[in-house]
Amino acid sequence: VLEYTDRIILVNDGATDDTASILQRFPQLTVITHPLNEGKGMALRH
């Protein structure tokens, strides 16, 4: 995605894998983090 734009909003919907550590490598992203999984619909809404 960064090859095309840096205008990125990413919603971490309560991931329990290595998602958080991966996102730390991309400080240019706007990241919204749900502490617990709320579902894709809520992630999209936020």
ModelCIF file with pLDDT and N, C-alpha, C, O atoms, coordinates in Angstrom:
data_MODEL
#
_entry.id   MODEL 
#
_entity.id                         1 
_entity.type                       polymer 
_entity.pdbx_number_of_molecules   1 
#
_entity_poly.entity_id                      1 
_entity_poly.type                           'polypeptide(L)' 
_entity_poly.nstd_linkage                   no 
_entity_poly.nstd_monomer                   no 
_entity_poly.pdbx_seq_one_letter_code       VLEYTDRIILVNDGATDDTASILQRFPQLTVITHPLNEGKGMALRH 
_entity_poly.pdbx_seq_one_letter_code_can   VLEYTDRIILVNDGATDDTASILQRFPQLTVITHPLNEGKGMALRH 
_entity_poly.pdbx_strand_id                 A 
#
loop_
_entity_poly_seq.entity_id 
_entity_poly_seq.num 
_entity_poly_seq.mon_id 
_entity_poly_seq.hetero 
1 1  VAL n 
1 2  LEU n 
1 3  GLU n 
1 4  TYR n 
1 5  THR n 
1 6  ASP n 
1 7  ARG n 
1 8  ILE n 
1 9  ILE n 
1 10 LEU n 
1 11 VAL n 
1 12 ASN n 
1 13 ASP n 
1 14 GLY n 
1 15 ALA n 
1 16 THR n 
1 17 ASP n 
1 18 ASP n 
1 19 THR n 
1 20 ALA n 
1 21 SER n 
1 22 ILE n 
1 23 LEU n 
1 24 GLN n 
1 25 ARG n 
1 26 PHE n 
1 27 PRO n 
1 28 GLN n 
1 29 LEU n 
1 30 THR n 
1 31 VAL n 
1 32 ILE n 
1 33 THR n 
1 34 HIS n 
1 35 PRO n 
1 36 LEU n 
1 37 ASN n 
1 38 GLU n 
1 39 GLY n 
1 40 LYS n 
1 41 GLY n 
1 42 MET n 
1 43 ALA n 
1 44 LEU n 
1 45 ARG n 
1 46 HIS n 
#
_struct_asym.id          A 
_struct_asym.entity_id   1 
#
loop_
_ma_qa_metric.id 
_ma_qa_metric.mode 
_ma_qa_metric.name 
_ma_qa_metric.software_group_id 
_ma_qa_metric.type 
1 global pLDDT . pLDDT 
2 local  pLDDT . pLDDT 
#
_ma_qa_metric_global.metric_id      1 
_ma_qa_metric_global.metric_value   97.26 
_ma_qa_metric_global.model_id       1 
_ma_qa_metric_global.ordinal_id     1 
#
loop_
_ma_qa_metric_local.label_asym_id 
_ma_qa_metric_local.label_comp_id 
_ma_qa_metric_local.label_seq_id 
_ma_qa_metric_local.metric_id 
_ma_qa_metric_local.metric_value 
_ma_qa_metric_local.model_id 
_ma_qa_metric_local.ordinal_id 
A VAL 1  2 97.00 1 1  
A LEU 2  2 97.00 1 2  
A GLU 3  2 96.00 1 3  
A TYR 4  2 96.00 1 4  
A THR 5  2 97.00 1 5  
A ASP 6  2 96.00 1 6  
A ARG 7  2 97.00 1 7  
A ILE 8  2 98.00 1 8  
A ILE 9  2 98.00 1 9  
A LEU 10 2 98.00 1 10 
A VAL 11 2 98.00 1 11 
A ASN 12 2 98.00 1 12 
A ASP 13 2 98.00 1 13 
A GLY 14 2 98.00 1 14 
A ALA 15 2 98.00 1 15 
A THR 16 2 98.00 1 16 
A ASP 17 2 98.00 1 17 
A ASP 18 2 98.00 1 18 
A THR 19 2 98.00 1 19 
A ALA 20 2 97.00 1 20 
A SER 21 2 98.00 1 21 
A ILE 22 2 98.00 1 22 
A LEU 23 2 98.00 1 23 
A GLN 24 2 97.00 1 24 
A ARG 25 2 97.00 1 25 
A PHE 26 2 98.00 1 26 
A PRO 27 2 97.00 1 27 
A GLN 28 2 96.00 1 28 
A LEU 29 2 97.00 1 29 
A THR 30 2 98.00 1 30 
A VAL 31 2 98.00 1 31 
A ILE 32 2 98.00 1 32 
A THR 33 2 98.00 1 33 
A HIS 34 2 98.00 1 34 
A PRO 35 2 97.00 1 35 
A LEU 36 2 98.00 1 36 
A ASN 37 2 97.00 1 37 
A GLU 38 2 97.00 1 38 
A GLY 39 2 96.00 1 39 
A LYS 40 2 95.00 1 40 
A GLY 41 2 95.00 1 41 
A MET 42 2 97.00 1 42 
A ALA 43 2 97.00 1 43 
A LEU 44 2 96.00 1 44 
A ARG 45 2 96.00 1 45 
A HIS 46 2 98.00 1 46 
#
loop_
_atom_site.group_PDB 
_atom_site.id 
_atom_site.type_symbol 
_atom_site.label_atom_id 
_atom_site.label_alt_id 
_atom_site.label_comp_id 
_atom_site.label_asym_id 
_atom_site.label_entity_id 
_atom_site.label_seq_id 
_atom_site.pdbx_PDB_ins_code 
_atom_site.Cartn_x 
_atom_site.Cartn_y 
_atom_site.Cartn_z 
_atom_site.occupancy 
_atom_site.B_iso_or_equiv 
_atom_site.pdbx_formal_charge 
_atom_site.auth_seq_id 
_atom_site.auth_comp_id 
_atom_site.auth_asym_id 
_atom_site.auth_atom_id 
_atom_site.pdbx_PDB_model_num 
ATOM 1   N N  . VAL A 1 1  ? 0.843   -1.201  0.000  1.00 97.00 ? 1  VAL A N  1 
ATOM 2   C CA . VAL A 1 1  ? 0.000   0.000   0.000  1.00 97.00 ? 1  VAL A CA 1 
ATOM 3   C C  . VAL A 1 1  ? 0.875   1.247   0.000  1.00 97.00 ? 1  VAL A C  1 
ATOM 4   O O  . VAL A 1 1  ? 0.552   2.225   -0.674 1.00 97.00 ? 1  VAL A O  1 
ATOM 5   N N  . LEU A 1 2  ? 1.979   1.230   0.745  1.00 97.00 ? 2  LEU A N  1 
ATOM 6   C CA . LEU A 1 2  ? 2.874   2.386   0.808  1.00 97.00 ? 2  LEU A CA 1 
ATOM 7   C C  . LEU A 1 2  ? 3.518   2.701   -0.537 1.00 97.00 ? 2  LEU A C  1 
ATOM 8   O O  . LEU A 1 2  ? 3.991   3.819   -0.741 1.00 97.00 ? 2  LEU A O  1 
ATOM 9   N N  . GLU A 1 3  ? 3.546   1.749   -1.450 1.00 96.00 ? 3  GLU A N  1 
ATOM 10  C CA . GLU A 1 3  ? 4.047   2.031   -2.794 1.00 96.00 ? 3  GLU A CA 1 
ATOM 11  C C  . GLU A 1 3  ? 3.120   2.997   -3.535 1.00 96.00 ? 3  GLU A C  1 
ATOM 12  O O  . GLU A 1 3  ? 3.530   3.643   -4.500 1.00 96.00 ? 3  GLU A O  1 
ATOM 13  N N  . TYR A 1 4  ? 1.873   3.092   -3.078 1.00 96.00 ? 4  TYR A N  1 
ATOM 14  C CA . TYR A 1 4  ? 0.867   3.934   -3.738 1.00 96.00 ? 4  TYR A CA 1 
ATOM 15  C C  . TYR A 1 4  ? 0.506   5.172   -2.933 1.00 96.00 ? 4  TYR A C  1 
ATOM 16  O O  . TYR A 1 4  ? 0.250   6.232   -3.505 1.00 96.00 ? 4  TYR A O  1 
ATOM 17  N N  . THR A 1 5  ? 0.485   5.048   -1.612 1.00 97.00 ? 5  THR A N  1 
ATOM 18  C CA . THR A 1 5  ? 0.094   6.174   -0.767 1.00 97.00 ? 5  THR A CA 1 
ATOM 19  C C  . THR A 1 5  ? 0.516   5.920   0.671  1.00 97.00 ? 5  THR A C  1 
ATOM 20  O O  . THR A 1 5  ? 0.653   4.778   1.110  1.00 97.00 ? 5  THR A O  1 
ATOM 21  N N  . ASP A 1 6  ? 0.719   7.025   1.395  1.00 96.00 ? 6  ASP A N  1 
ATOM 22  C CA . ASP A 1 6  ? 0.952   6.912   2.833  1.00 96.00 ? 6  ASP A CA 1 
ATOM 23  C C  . ASP A 1 6  ? -0.274  7.378   3.608  1.00 96.00 ? 6  ASP A C  1 
ATOM 24  O O  . ASP A 1 6  ? -0.226  7.534   4.828  1.00 96.00 ? 6  ASP A O  1 
ATOM 25  N N  . ARG A 1 7  ? -1.363  7.596   2.898  1.00 97.00 ? 7  ARG A N  1 
ATOM 26  C CA . ARG A 1 7  ? -2.624  8.028   3.512  1.00 97.00 ? 7  ARG A CA 1 
ATOM 27  C C  . ARG A 1 7  ? -3.382  6.775   3.968  1.00 97.00 ? 7  ARG A C  1 
ATOM 28  O O  . ARG A 1 7  ? -4.359  6.357   3.346  1.00 97.00 ? 7  ARG A O  1 
ATOM 29  N N  . ILE A 1 8  ? -2.905  6.193   5.065  1.00 98.00 ? 8  ILE A N  1 
ATOM 30  C CA . ILE A 1 8  ? -3.384  4.887   5.510  1.00 98.00 ? 8  ILE A CA 1 
ATOM 31  C C  . ILE A 1 8  ? -3.906  4.970   6.943  1.00 98.00 ? 8  ILE A C  1 
ATOM 32  O O  . ILE A 1 8  ? -3.250  5.504   7.838  1.00 98.00 ? 8  ILE A O  1 
ATOM 33  N N  . ILE A 1 9  ? -5.094  4.431   7.127  1.00 98.00 ? 9  ILE A N  1 
ATOM 34  C CA . ILE A 1 9  ? -5.667  4.233   8.457  1.00 98.00 ? 9  ILE A CA 1 
ATOM 35  C C  . ILE A 1 9  ? -5.769  2.728   8.654  1.00 98.00 ? 9  ILE A C  1 
ATOM 36  O O  . ILE A 1 9  ? -6.368  2.035   7.832  1.00 98.00 ? 9  ILE A O  1 
ATOM 37  N N  . LEU A 1 10 ? -5.196  2.223   9.723  1.00 98.00 ? 10 LEU A N  1 
ATOM 38  C CA . LEU A 1 10 ? -5.241  0.794   9.997  1.00 98.00 ? 10 LEU A CA 1 
ATOM 39  C C  . LEU A 1 10 ? -5.926  0.582   11.335 1.00 98.00 ? 10 LEU A C  1 
ATOM 40  O O  . LEU A 1 10 ? -5.590  1.232   12.325 1.00 98.00 ? 10 LEU A O  1 
ATOM 41  N N  . VAL A 1 11 ? -6.886  -0.327  11.359 1.00 98.00 ? 11 VAL A N  1 
ATOM 42  C CA . VAL A 1 11 ? -7.581  -0.655  12.600 1.00 98.00 ? 11 VAL A CA 1 
ATOM 43  C C  . VAL A 1 11 ? -7.156  -2.047  13.036 1.00 98.00 ? 11 VAL A C  1 
ATOM 44  O O  . VAL A 1 11 ? -7.484  -3.044  12.392 1.00 98.00 ? 11 VAL A O  1 
ATOM 45  N N  . ASN A 1 12 ? -6.416  -2.098  14.148 1.00 98.00 ? 12 ASN A N  1 
ATOM 46  C CA . ASN A 1 12 ? -6.036  -3.364  14.771 1.00 98.00 ? 12 ASN A CA 1 
ATOM 47  C C  . ASN A 1 12 ? -7.214  -3.765  15.659 1.00 98.00 ? 12 ASN A C  1 
ATOM 48  O O  . ASN A 1 12 ? -7.421  -3.202  16.733 1.00 98.00 ? 12 ASN A O  1 
ATOM 49  N N  . ASP A 1 13 ? -7.965  -4.734  15.194 1.00 98.00 ? 13 ASP A N  1 
ATOM 50  C CA . ASP A 1 13 ? -9.199  -5.121  15.872 1.00 98.00 ? 13 ASP A CA 1 
ATOM 51  C C  . ASP A 1 13 ? -8.955  -6.183  16.949 1.00 98.00 ? 13 ASP A C  1 
ATOM 52  O O  . ASP A 1 13 ? -9.520  -7.276  16.899 1.00 98.00 ? 13 ASP A O  1 
ATOM 53  N N  . GLY A 1 14 ? -8.105  -5.840  17.920 1.00 98.00 ? 14 GLY A N  1 
ATOM 54  C CA . GLY A 1 14 ? -7.861  -6.735  19.048 1.00 98.00 ? 14 GLY A CA 1 
ATOM 55  C C  . GLY A 1 14 ? -7.015  -7.940  18.705 1.00 98.00 ? 14 GLY A C  1 
ATOM 56  O O  . GLY A 1 14 ? -7.185  -9.003  19.302 1.00 98.00 ? 14 GLY A O  1 
ATOM 57  N N  . ALA A 1 15 ? -6.109  -7.799  17.758 1.00 98.00 ? 15 ALA A N  1 
ATOM 58  C CA . ALA A 1 15 ? -5.280  -8.933  17.342 1.00 98.00 ? 15 ALA A CA 1 
ATOM 59  C C  . ALA A 1 15 ? -4.462  -9.478  18.516 1.00 98.00 ? 15 ALA A C  1 
ATOM 60  O O  . ALA A 1 15 ? -3.977  -8.726  19.361 1.00 98.00 ? 15 ALA A O  1 
ATOM 61  N N  . THR A 1 16 ? -4.327  -10.795 18.540 1.00 98.00 ? 16 THR A N  1 
ATOM 62  C CA . THR A 1 16 ? -3.566  -11.469 19.594 1.00 98.00 ? 16 THR A CA 1 
ATOM 63  C C  . THR A 1 16 ? -2.273  -12.086 19.055 1.00 98.00 ? 16 THR A C  1 
ATOM 64  O O  . THR A 1 16 ? -1.572  -12.793 19.779 1.00 98.00 ? 16 THR A O  1 
ATOM 65  N N  . ASP A 1 17 ? -1.960  -11.821 17.793 1.00 98.00 ? 17 ASP A N  1 
ATOM 66  C CA . ASP A 1 17 ? -0.729  -12.328 17.184 1.00 98.00 ? 17 ASP A CA 1 
ATOM 67  C C  . ASP A 1 17 ? 0.332   -11.217 17.210 1.00 98.00 ? 17 ASP A C  1 
ATOM 68  O O  . ASP A 1 17 ? 0.314   -10.383 18.115 1.00 98.00 ? 17 ASP A O  1 
ATOM 69  N N  . ASP A 1 18 ? 1.236   -11.189 16.256 1.00 98.00 ? 18 ASP A N  1 
ATOM 70  C CA . ASP A 1 18 ? 2.324   -10.207 16.232 1.00 98.00 ? 18 ASP A CA 1 
ATOM 71  C C  . ASP A 1 18 ? 1.943   -8.886  15.560 1.00 98.00 ? 18 ASP A C  1 
ATOM 72  O O  . ASP A 1 18 ? 2.825   -8.091  15.236 1.00 98.00 ? 18 ASP A O  1 
ATOM 73  N N  . THR A 1 19 ? 0.662   -8.639  15.349 1.00 98.00 ? 19 THR A N  1 
ATOM 74  C CA . THR A 1 19 ? 0.218   -7.428  14.662 1.00 98.00 ? 19 THR A CA 1 
ATOM 75  C C  . THR A 1 19 ? 0.775   -6.162  15.309 1.00 98.00 ? 19 THR A C  1 
ATOM 76  O O  . THR A 1 19 ? 1.291   -5.293  14.607 1.00 98.00 ? 19 THR A O  1 
ATOM 77  N N  . ALA A 1 20 ? 0.680   -6.042  16.626 1.00 97.00 ? 20 ALA A N  1 
ATOM 78  C CA . ALA A 1 20 ? 1.130   -4.821  17.314 1.00 97.00 ? 20 ALA A CA 1 
ATOM 79  C C  . ALA A 1 20 ? 2.610   -4.546  17.061 1.00 97.00 ? 20 ALA A C  1 
ATOM 80  O O  . ALA A 1 20 ? 2.990   -3.400  16.818 1.00 97.00 ? 20 ALA A O  1 
ATOM 81  N N  . SER A 1 21 ? 3.451   -5.580  17.114 1.00 98.00 ? 21 SER A N  1 
ATOM 82  C CA . SER A 1 21 ? 4.883   -5.356  16.884 1.00 98.00 ? 21 SER A CA 1 
ATOM 83  C C  . SER A 1 21 ? 5.160   -4.984  15.432 1.00 98.00 ? 21 SER A C  1 
ATOM 84  O O  . SER A 1 21 ? 6.072   -4.203  15.163 1.00 98.00 ? 21 SER A O  1 
ATOM 85  N N  . ILE A 1 22 ? 4.396   -5.525  14.502 1.00 98.00 ? 22 ILE A N  1 
ATOM 86  C CA . ILE A 1 22 ? 4.543   -5.158  13.090 1.00 98.00 ? 22 ILE A CA 1 
ATOM 87  C C  . ILE A 1 22 ? 4.181   -3.685  12.911 1.00 98.00 ? 22 ILE A C  1 
ATOM 88  O O  . ILE A 1 22 ? 4.887   -2.950  12.221 1.00 98.00 ? 22 ILE A O  1 
ATOM 89  N N  . LEU A 1 23 ? 3.094   -3.259  13.525 1.00 98.00 ? 23 LEU A N  1 
ATOM 90  C CA . LEU A 1 23 ? 2.636   -1.878  13.358 1.00 98.00 ? 23 LEU A CA 1 
ATOM 91  C C  . LEU A 1 23 ? 3.625   -0.867  13.923 1.00 98.00 ? 23 LEU A C  1 
ATOM 92  O O  . LEU A 1 23 ? 3.668   0.273   13.461 1.00 98.00 ? 23 LEU A O  1 
ATOM 93  N N  . GLN A 1 24 ? 4.418   -1.262  14.909 1.00 97.00 ? 24 GLN A N  1 
ATOM 94  C CA . GLN A 1 24 ? 5.424   -0.364  15.466 1.00 97.00 ? 24 GLN A CA 1 
ATOM 95  C C  . GLN A 1 24 ? 6.471   0.015   14.425 1.00 97.00 ? 24 GLN A C  1 
ATOM 96  O O  . GLN A 1 24 ? 7.136   1.041   14.567 1.00 97.00 ? 24 GLN A O  1 
ATOM 97  N N  . ARG A 1 25 ? 6.628   -0.790  13.391 1.00 97.00 ? 25 ARG A N  1 
ATOM 98  C CA . ARG A 1 25 ? 7.606   -0.516  12.331 1.00 97.00 ? 25 ARG A CA 1 
ATOM 99  C C  . ARG A 1 25 ? 7.092   0.515   11.327 1.00 97.00 ? 25 ARG A C  1 
ATOM 100 O O  . ARG A 1 25 ? 7.826   0.915   10.423 1.00 97.00 ? 25 ARG A O  1 
ATOM 101 N N  . PHE A 1 26 ? 5.839   0.946   11.476 1.00 98.00 ? 26 PHE A N  1 
ATOM 102 C CA . PHE A 1 26 ? 5.224   1.864   10.519 1.00 98.00 ? 26 PHE A CA 1 
ATOM 103 C C  . PHE A 1 26 ? 4.639   3.084   11.242 1.00 98.00 ? 26 PHE A C  1 
ATOM 104 O O  . PHE A 1 26 ? 3.419   3.223   11.326 1.00 98.00 ? 26 PHE A O  1 
ATOM 105 N N  . PRO A 1 27 ? 5.492   3.960   11.759 1.00 97.00 ? 27 PRO A N  1 
ATOM 106 C CA . PRO A 1 27 ? 4.988   5.113   12.514 1.00 97.00 ? 27 PRO A CA 1 
ATOM 107 C C  . PRO A 1 27 ? 4.197   6.101   11.653 1.00 97.00 ? 27 PRO A C  1 
ATOM 108 O O  . PRO A 1 27 ? 3.476   6.940   12.194 1.00 97.00 ? 27 PRO A O  1 
ATOM 109 N N  . GLN A 1 28 ? 4.317   6.018   10.328 1.00 96.00 ? 28 GLN A N  1 
ATOM 110 C CA . GLN A 1 28 ? 3.605   6.937   9.448  1.00 96.00 ? 28 GLN A CA 1 
ATOM 111 C C  . GLN A 1 28 ? 2.119   6.597   9.296  1.00 96.00 ? 28 GLN A C  1 
ATOM 112 O O  . GLN A 1 28 ? 1.361   7.389   8.735  1.00 96.00 ? 28 GLN A O  1 
ATOM 113 N N  . LEU A 1 29 ? 1.699   5.434   9.786  1.00 97.00 ? 29 LEU A N  1 
ATOM 114 C CA . LEU A 1 29 ? 0.296   5.040   9.689  1.00 97.00 ? 29 LEU A CA 1 
ATOM 115 C C  . LEU A 1 29 ? -0.524  5.675   10.800 1.00 97.00 ? 29 LEU A C  1 
ATOM 116 O O  . LEU A 1 29 ? -0.021  5.936   11.893 1.00 97.00 ? 29 LEU A O  1 
ATOM 117 N N  . THR A 1 30 ? -1.786  5.916   10.504 1.00 98.00 ? 30 THR A N  1 
ATOM 118 C CA . THR A 1 30 ? -2.750  6.245   11.553 1.00 98.00 ? 30 THR A CA 1 
ATOM 119 C C  . THR A 1 30 ? -3.302  4.914   12.039 1.00 98.00 ? 30 THR A C  1 
ATOM 120 O O  . THR A 1 30 ? -3.946  4.198   11.272 1.00 98.00 ? 30 THR A O  1 
ATOM 121 N N  . VAL A 1 31 ? -3.060  4.572   13.302 1.00 98.00 ? 31 VAL A N  1 
ATOM 122 C CA . VAL A 1 31 ? -3.474  3.273   13.825 1.00 98.00 ? 31 VAL A CA 1 
ATOM 123 C C  . VAL A 1 31 ? -4.526  3.471   14.918 1.00 98.00 ? 31 VAL A C  1 
ATOM 124 O O  . VAL A 1 31 ? -4.351  4.259   15.847 1.00 98.00 ? 31 VAL A O  1 
ATOM 125 N N  . ILE A 1 32 ? -5.599  2.743   14.774 1.00 98.00 ? 32 ILE A N  1 
ATOM 126 C CA . ILE A 1 32 ? -6.637  2.665   15.793 1.00 98.00 ? 32 ILE A CA 1 
ATOM 127 C C  . ILE A 1 32 ? -6.552  1.258   16.360 1.00 98.00 ? 32 ILE A C  1 
ATOM 128 O O  . ILE A 1 32 ? -6.532  0.286   15.605 1.00 98.00 ? 32 ILE A O  1 
ATOM 129 N N  . THR A 1 33 ? -6.501  1.138   17.680 1.00 98.00 ? 33 THR A N  1 
ATOM 130 C CA . THR A 1 33 ? -6.381  -0.180  18.295 1.00 98.00 ? 33 THR A CA 1 
ATOM 131 C C  . THR A 1 33 ? -7.588  -0.467  19.172 1.00 98.00 ? 33 THR A C  1 
ATOM 132 O O  . THR A 1 33 ? -7.897  0.287   20.095 1.00 98.00 ? 33 THR A O  1 
ATOM 133 N N  . HIS A 1 34 ? -8.259  -1.560  18.872 1.00 98.00 ? 34 HIS A N  1 
ATOM 134 C CA . HIS A 1 34 ? -9.318  -2.068  19.743 1.00 98.00 ? 34 HIS A CA 1 
ATOM 135 C C  . HIS A 1 34 ? -8.649  -3.034  20.724 1.00 98.00 ? 34 HIS A C  1 
ATOM 136 O O  . HIS A 1 34 ? -7.978  -3.971  20.290 1.00 98.00 ? 34 HIS A O  1 
ATOM 137 N N  . PRO A 1 35 ? -8.816  -2.830  22.027 1.00 97.00 ? 35 PRO A N  1 
ATOM 138 C CA . PRO A 1 35 ? -8.194  -3.755  22.989 1.00 97.00 ? 35 PRO A CA 1 
ATOM 139 C C  . PRO A 1 35 ? -8.697  -5.194  22.825 1.00 97.00 ? 35 PRO A C  1 
ATOM 140 O O  . PRO A 1 35 ? -7.945  -6.149  23.022 1.00 97.00 ? 35 PRO A O  1 
ATOM 141 N N  . LEU A 1 36 ? -9.957  -5.334  22.467 1.00 98.00 ? 36 LEU A N  1 
ATOM 142 C CA . LEU A 1 36 ? -10.554 -6.651  22.218 1.00 98.00 ? 36 LEU A CA 1 
ATOM 143 C C  . LEU A 1 36 ? -11.173 -6.650  20.824 1.00 98.00 ? 36 LEU A C  1 
ATOM 144 O O  . LEU A 1 36 ? -11.530 -5.597  20.295 1.00 98.00 ? 36 LEU A O  1 
ATOM 145 N N  . ASN A 1 37 ? -11.295 -7.823  20.242 1.00 97.00 ? 37 ASN A N  1 
ATOM 146 C CA . ASN A 1 37 ? -11.891 -7.953  18.922 1.00 97.00 ? 37 ASN A CA 1 
ATOM 147 C C  . ASN A 1 37 ? -13.355 -7.513  18.952 1.00 97.00 ? 37 ASN A C  1 
ATOM 148 O O  . ASN A 1 37 ? -14.153 -8.043  19.725 1.00 97.00 ? 37 ASN A O  1 
ATOM 149 N N  . GLU A 1 38 ? -13.701 -6.541  18.107 1.00 97.00 ? 38 GLU A N  1 
ATOM 150 C CA . GLU A 1 38 ? -15.064 -6.031  18.030 1.00 97.00 ? 38 GLU A CA 1 
ATOM 151 C C  . GLU A 1 38 ? -15.746 -6.409  16.720 1.00 97.00 ? 38 GLU A C  1 
ATOM 152 O O  . GLU A 1 38 ? -16.926 -6.115  16.528 1.00 97.00 ? 38 GLU A O  1 
ATOM 153 N N  . GLY A 1 39 ? -15.015 -7.058  15.821 1.00 96.00 ? 39 GLY A N  1 
ATOM 154 C CA . GLY A 1 39 ? -15.571 -7.469  14.543 1.00 96.00 ? 39 GLY A CA 1 
ATOM 155 C C  . GLY A 1 39 ? -15.221 -6.489  13.438 1.00 96.00 ? 39 GLY A C  1 
ATOM 156 O O  . GLY A 1 39 ? -14.963 -5.309  13.680 1.00 96.00 ? 39 GLY A O  1 
ATOM 157 N N  . LYS A 1 40 ? -15.220 -7.008  12.223 1.00 95.00 ? 40 LYS A N  1 
ATOM 158 C CA . LYS A 1 40 ? -14.822 -6.209  11.067 1.00 95.00 ? 40 LYS A CA 1 
ATOM 159 C C  . LYS A 1 40 ? -15.741 -5.002  10.859 1.00 95.00 ? 40 LYS A C  1 
ATOM 160 O O  . LYS A 1 40 ? -15.276 -3.924  10.490 1.00 95.00 ? 40 LYS A O  1 
ATOM 161 N N  . GLY A 1 41 ? -17.027 -5.181  11.093 1.00 95.00 ? 41 GLY A N  1 
ATOM 162 C CA . GLY A 1 41 ? -17.963 -4.074  10.916 1.00 95.00 ? 41 GLY A CA 1 
ATOM 163 C C  . GLY A 1 41 ? -17.614 -2.890  11.804 1.00 95.00 ? 41 GLY A C  1 
ATOM 164 O O  . GLY A 1 41 ? -17.635 -1.746  11.349 1.00 95.00 ? 41 GLY A O  1 
ATOM 165 N N  . MET A 1 42 ? -17.296 -3.150  13.054 1.00 97.00 ? 42 MET A N  1 
ATOM 166 C CA . MET A 1 42 ? -16.939 -2.068  13.972 1.00 97.00 ? 42 MET A CA 1 
ATOM 167 C C  . MET A 1 42 ? -15.576 -1.481  13.604 1.00 97.00 ? 42 MET A C  1 
ATOM 168 O O  . MET A 1 42 ? -15.365 -0.274  13.722 1.00 97.00 ? 42 MET A O  1 
ATOM 169 N N  . ALA A 1 43 ? -14.656 -2.333  13.159 1.00 97.00 ? 43 ALA A N  1 
ATOM 170 C CA . ALA A 1 43 ? -13.347 -1.829  12.720 1.00 97.00 ? 43 ALA A CA 1 
ATOM 171 C C  . ALA A 1 43 ? -13.531 -0.870  11.543 1.00 97.00 ? 43 ALA A C  1 
ATOM 172 O O  . ALA A 1 43 ? -12.913 0.194   11.503 1.00 97.00 ? 43 ALA A O  1 
ATOM 173 N N  . LEU A 1 44 ? -14.374 -1.244  10.596 1.00 96.00 ? 44 LEU A N  1 
ATOM 174 C CA . LEU A 1 44 ? -14.642 -0.362  9.461  1.00 96.00 ? 44 LEU A CA 1 
ATOM 175 C C  . LEU A 1 44 ? -15.314 0.927   9.927  1.00 96.00 ? 44 LEU A C  1 
ATOM 176 O O  . LEU A 1 44 ? -14.955 2.018   9.483  1.00 96.00 ? 44 LEU A O  1 
ATOM 177 N N  . ARG A 1 45 ? -16.267 0.799   10.804 1.00 96.00 ? 45 ARG A N  1 
ATOM 178 C CA . ARG A 1 45 ? -16.987 1.976   11.299 1.00 96.00 ? 45 ARG A CA 1 
ATOM 179 C C  . ARG A 1 45 ? -16.031 2.975   11.952 1.00 96.00 ? 45 ARG A C  1 
ATOM 180 O O  . ARG A 1 45 ? -16.099 4.174   11.681 1.00 96.00 ? 45 ARG A O  1 
ATOM 181 N N  . HIS A 1 46 ? -15.145 2.481   12.808 1.00 98.00 ? 46 HIS A N  1 
ATOM 182 C CA . HIS A 1 46 ? -14.183 3.368   13.463 1.00 98.00 ? 46 HIS A CA 1 
ATOM 183 C C  . HIS A 1 46 ? -13.183 3.937   12.454 1.00 98.00 ? 46 HIS A C  1 
ATOM 184 O O  . HIS A 1 46 ? -12.298 4.707   12.828 1.00 98.00 ? 46 HIS A O  1 
#
